[in-house]
């Protein structure tokens, strides 16, 4: 019987994977996003090869005087855009504030998602000229065409870091456990920052990596 174990079969005697026969050409076997908190309950799916891969979104900004409320990037019409992050969100909690379409469409460093995907890592560096706690929020908004109502962003992830009292000393950002990873086509992703005590000069440079389902 041991000779008949799958690992011992020759290539010609091994069966194709589940769903191979009805799958269309130029597709690959993958696992969809599922719904469980452990991210392990996805189903096997055959996806077009053009949908597979990694997308990286570069996010960069700074503030001359951080706020205890979250702040996001300047309007693209402002000559300080896209890097200065000094627009007061009005709340220190992502889920307790709102942004109108007239504002979130104009955030200079915001990016539009071009495919159904999942955030897998947030990677980069931050500097701060104080020892305050600085929190970086990577957020998403799902716009609705023709609607002017203010929207509450969703925190993809929030990362708390301690400044090193110098803008010459980098603090590492390397987050792979993402709170709300799922992204839809057309979502707008952007960053916000806050600090425990206002007034610090903060620089932020990170990469948000996504993979398709």
Protein backbone atom coordinates (compact mmCIF):
# COMPACT_ATOMS: atom_id res chain seq x y z
CA UNK A 1 0.00 0.00 0.00
CA UNK A 2 2.83 2.40 0.81
CA UNK A 3 3.94 2.35 -2.82
CA UNK A 4 0.56 3.77 -3.80
CA UNK A 5 0.86 6.88 -1.63
CA UNK A 6 0.39 10.08 -3.61
CA UNK A 7 4.02 11.09 -3.10
CA UNK A 8 5.18 7.87 -4.72
CA UNK A 9 3.00 8.10 -7.84
CA UNK A 10 4.59 9.04 -11.12
CA UNK A 11 3.46 12.27 -12.73
CA UNK A 12 1.24 10.53 -15.28
CA UNK A 13 -0.71 8.80 -12.49
CA UNK A 14 -1.40 11.88 -10.39
CA UNK A 15 -4.80 13.54 -10.72
CA UNK A 16 -5.33 17.22 -11.51
CA UNK A 17 -6.34 19.52 -8.62
CA UNK A 18 -9.97 20.14 -7.74
CA UNK A 19 -11.83 22.17 -10.37
CA UNK A 20 -9.11 21.79 -13.00
CA UNK A 21 -11.32 20.44 -15.81
CA UNK A 22 -13.95 23.26 -15.85
CA UNK A 23 -11.40 26.01 -15.11
CA UNK A 24 -10.74 28.36 -18.03
CA UNK A 25 -7.32 28.69 -19.62
CA UNK A 26 -4.71 31.08 -18.16
CA UNK A 27 -6.00 30.71 -14.60
CA UNK A 28 -4.24 29.66 -11.40
CA UNK A 29 -5.49 27.92 -8.27
CA UNK A 30 -5.74 30.22 -5.26
CA UNK A 31 -7.71 30.72 -2.05
CA UNK A 32 -10.23 33.50 -1.59
CA UNK A 33 -10.40 35.91 1.34
CA UNK A 34 -12.90 34.02 3.50
CA UNK A 35 -14.49 35.63 6.55
CA UNK A 36 -12.90 34.15 9.69
CA UNK A 37 -10.68 36.25 12.01
CA UNK A 38 -7.91 33.70 11.52
CA UNK A 39 -8.03 34.14 7.73
CA UNK A 40 -7.99 30.37 7.20
CA UNK A 41 -11.51 29.55 5.96
CA UNK A 42 -11.14 30.68 2.33
CA UNK A 43 -12.23 28.44 -0.52
CA UNK A 44 -10.16 27.19 -3.45
CA UNK A 45 -10.81 29.33 -6.52
CA UNK A 46 -9.40 29.49 -10.03
CA UNK A 47 -8.40 33.08 -10.76
CA UNK A 48 -7.34 34.72 -13.99
CA UNK A 49 -3.56 35.12 -13.97
CA UNK A 50 -3.90 38.82 -14.69
CA UNK A 51 -5.53 39.28 -11.26
CA UNK A 52 -2.75 37.64 -9.30
CA UNK A 53 0.12 39.57 -7.82
CA UNK A 54 1.19 42.35 -5.50
CA UNK A 55 0.48 46.08 -5.60
CA UNK A 56 2.42 48.62 -3.53
CA UNK A 57 1.01 52.00 -2.53
CA UNK A 58 3.56 54.58 -1.39
CA UNK A 59 2.39 56.88 1.42
CA UNK A 60 4.55 59.80 2.56
CA UNK A 61 3.95 62.93 4.59
CA UNK A 62 5.03 65.21 7.44
CA UNK A 63 3.73 67.72 9.94
CA UNK A 64 5.49 70.68 11.55
CA UNK A 65 3.33 70.44 14.66
CA UNK A 66 1.40 67.23 15.25
CA UNK A 67 -2.12 67.22 16.69
CA UNK A 68 -3.70 65.05 19.37
CA UNK A 69 -6.57 64.63 16.89
CA UNK A 70 -5.82 62.71 13.73
CA UNK A 71 -4.63 64.87 10.83
CA UNK A 72 -4.56 64.05 7.13
CA UNK A 73 -2.97 65.47 3.99
CA UNK A 74 -3.61 68.88 2.48
CA UNK A 75 -6.01 69.56 -0.40
CA UNK A 76 -4.26 69.16 -3.77
CA UNK A 77 -5.14 72.80 -4.52
CA UNK A 78 -2.93 73.91 -1.62
CA UNK A 79 0.72 74.51 -2.49
CA UNK A 80 1.76 72.44 0.56
CA UNK A 81 0.11 69.35 -0.89
CA UNK A 82 0.68 66.42 -1.18
CA UNK A 83 3.04 65.93 1.76
CA UNK A 84 1.93 68.24 4.60
CA UNK A 85 -0.49 66.50 6.95
CA UNK A 86 -2.13 69.30 8.93
CA UNK A 87 -5.86 69.03 8.20
CA UNK A 88 -7.60 68.38 11.53
CA UNK A 89 -9.85 65.29 11.30
CA UNK A 90 -11.71 66.55 14.37
CA UNK A 91 -11.33 63.34 16.35
CA UNK A 92 -8.62 61.16 17.87
CA UNK A 93 -10.61 58.06 16.84
CA UNK A 94 -10.97 57.03 13.19
CA UNK A 95 -14.52 55.78 13.70
CA UNK A 96 -15.73 58.97 15.40
CA UNK A 97 -14.95 61.49 12.66
CA UNK A 98 -16.11 62.09 9.10
CA UNK A 99 -14.72 63.54 5.88
CA UNK A 100 -16.83 64.99 3.08
CA UNK A 101 -16.30 63.92 -0.54
CA UNK A 102 -15.19 67.49 -1.29
CA UNK A 103 -12.27 66.85 1.09
CA UNK A 104 -11.35 63.18 0.73
CA UNK A 105 -11.24 63.38 -3.08
CA UNK A 106 -8.55 66.06 -2.73
CA UNK A 107 -6.16 64.48 -0.23
CA UNK A 108 -2.84 64.78 -2.03
CA UNK A 109 -1.25 61.48 -0.98
CA UNK A 110 -4.41 59.34 -1.25
CA UNK A 111 -4.48 56.39 -3.68
CA UNK A 112 -7.37 54.72 -5.51
CA UNK A 113 -7.50 50.91 -5.36
CA UNK A 114 -7.70 49.34 -8.82
CA UNK A 115 -8.63 45.74 -7.95
CA UNK A 116 -10.24 43.62 -5.25
CA UNK A 117 -7.36 42.97 -2.89
CA UNK A 118 -6.20 42.55 0.68
CA UNK A 119 -3.62 44.56 2.62
CA UNK A 120 -0.86 42.18 3.69
CA UNK A 121 1.76 44.52 5.14
CA UNK A 122 2.51 48.11 6.11
CA UNK A 123 6.22 48.77 5.99
CA UNK A 124 8.33 51.88 6.41
CA UNK A 125 9.83 54.45 8.76
CA UNK A 126 8.83 57.39 10.96
CA UNK A 127 10.84 60.10 12.70
CA UNK A 128 9.69 62.42 15.49
CA UNK A 129 11.57 65.18 17.32
CA UNK A 130 9.97 64.21 20.66
CA UNK A 131 9.49 61.03 22.69
CA UNK A 132 5.70 61.22 22.27
CA UNK A 133 3.57 58.32 21.15
CA UNK A 134 2.75 58.79 17.48
CA UNK A 135 -0.10 56.77 15.97
CA UNK A 136 -0.29 56.14 12.24
CA UNK A 137 -3.68 55.18 10.82
CA UNK A 138 -3.90 53.68 7.35
CA UNK A 139 -7.52 54.27 6.35
CA UNK A 140 -9.94 53.56 3.55
CA UNK A 141 -13.06 55.27 2.29
CA UNK A 142 -15.54 53.68 -0.12
CA UNK A 143 -17.02 56.56 -2.15
CA UNK A 144 -20.51 56.45 -3.63
CA UNK A 145 -20.96 58.31 -6.91
CA UNK A 146 -23.15 61.39 -6.81
CA UNK A 147 -23.38 61.46 -3.00
CA UNK A 148 -22.19 64.51 -1.03
CA UNK A 149 -22.75 63.09 2.47
CA UNK A 150 -19.73 62.97 4.80
CA UNK A 151 -18.21 59.52 5.28
CA UNK A 152 -16.62 57.85 8.30
CA UNK A 153 -13.30 56.26 7.29
CA UNK A 154 -12.45 52.66 8.17
CA UNK A 155 -9.12 51.98 9.87
CA UNK A 156 -7.27 49.37 7.85
CA UNK A 157 -4.76 49.39 10.70
CA UNK A 158 -3.49 51.70 13.45
CA UNK A 159 0.16 51.55 14.50
CA UNK A 160 1.42 53.22 17.70
CA UNK A 161 5.11 54.17 17.82
CA UNK A 162 7.37 56.01 20.26
CA UNK A 163 9.38 58.92 18.91
CA UNK A 164 13.15 59.01 19.43
CA UNK A 165 13.40 62.79 20.02
CA UNK A 166 15.21 63.29 16.74
CA UNK A 167 14.28 63.57 13.09
CA UNK A 168 17.60 61.90 12.35
CA UNK A 169 16.58 58.67 14.11
CA UNK A 170 14.15 56.39 12.32
CA UNK A 171 11.45 54.32 14.02
CA UNK A 172 10.66 51.14 12.11
CA UNK A 173 7.17 50.33 10.85
CA UNK A 174 6.71 46.65 10.02
CA UNK A 175 3.08 45.58 10.43
CA UNK A 176 1.82 42.27 9.04
CA UNK A 177 -1.20 41.65 11.28
CA UNK A 178 -3.79 43.86 9.59
CA UNK A 179 -7.05 44.71 11.37
CA UNK A 180 -9.29 45.31 8.32
CA UNK A 181 -7.41 44.13 5.23
CA UNK A 182 -10.13 43.85 2.55
CA UNK A 183 -10.19 46.47 -0.23
CA UNK A 184 -12.70 46.97 -3.04
CA UNK A 185 -12.16 48.47 -6.47
CA UNK A 186 -12.51 52.25 -6.18
CA UNK A 187 -11.70 52.45 -2.47
CA UNK A 188 -9.55 55.43 -1.53
CA UNK A 189 -6.72 54.69 0.91
CA UNK A 190 -4.79 57.36 2.80
CA UNK A 191 -2.87 57.93 6.02
CA UNK A 192 -3.56 59.99 9.13
CA UNK A 193 -1.33 60.70 12.12
CA UNK A 194 -1.80 61.88 15.70
CA UNK A 195 0.39 62.15 18.78
CA UNK A 196 -0.11 61.93 22.52
CA UNK A 197 1.01 65.54 23.10
CA UNK A 198 0.66 68.08 20.30
CA UNK A 199 3.49 70.02 18.72
CA UNK A 200 6.09 67.58 17.37
CA UNK A 201 7.69 67.61 13.95
CA UNK A 202 6.99 64.22 12.37
CA UNK A 203 8.05 62.63 9.08
CA UNK A 204 6.45 59.48 7.71
CA UNK A 205 7.39 57.29 4.75
CA UNK A 206 5.74 53.93 4.27
CA UNK A 207 4.54 51.35 1.81
CA UNK A 208 1.15 49.64 1.89
CA UNK A 209 1.36 46.27 0.14
CA UNK A 210 -1.72 44.47 -1.15
CA UNK A 211 -2.31 41.11 -2.81
CA UNK A 212 -5.22 40.06 -4.97
CA UNK A 213 -7.55 37.31 -3.83
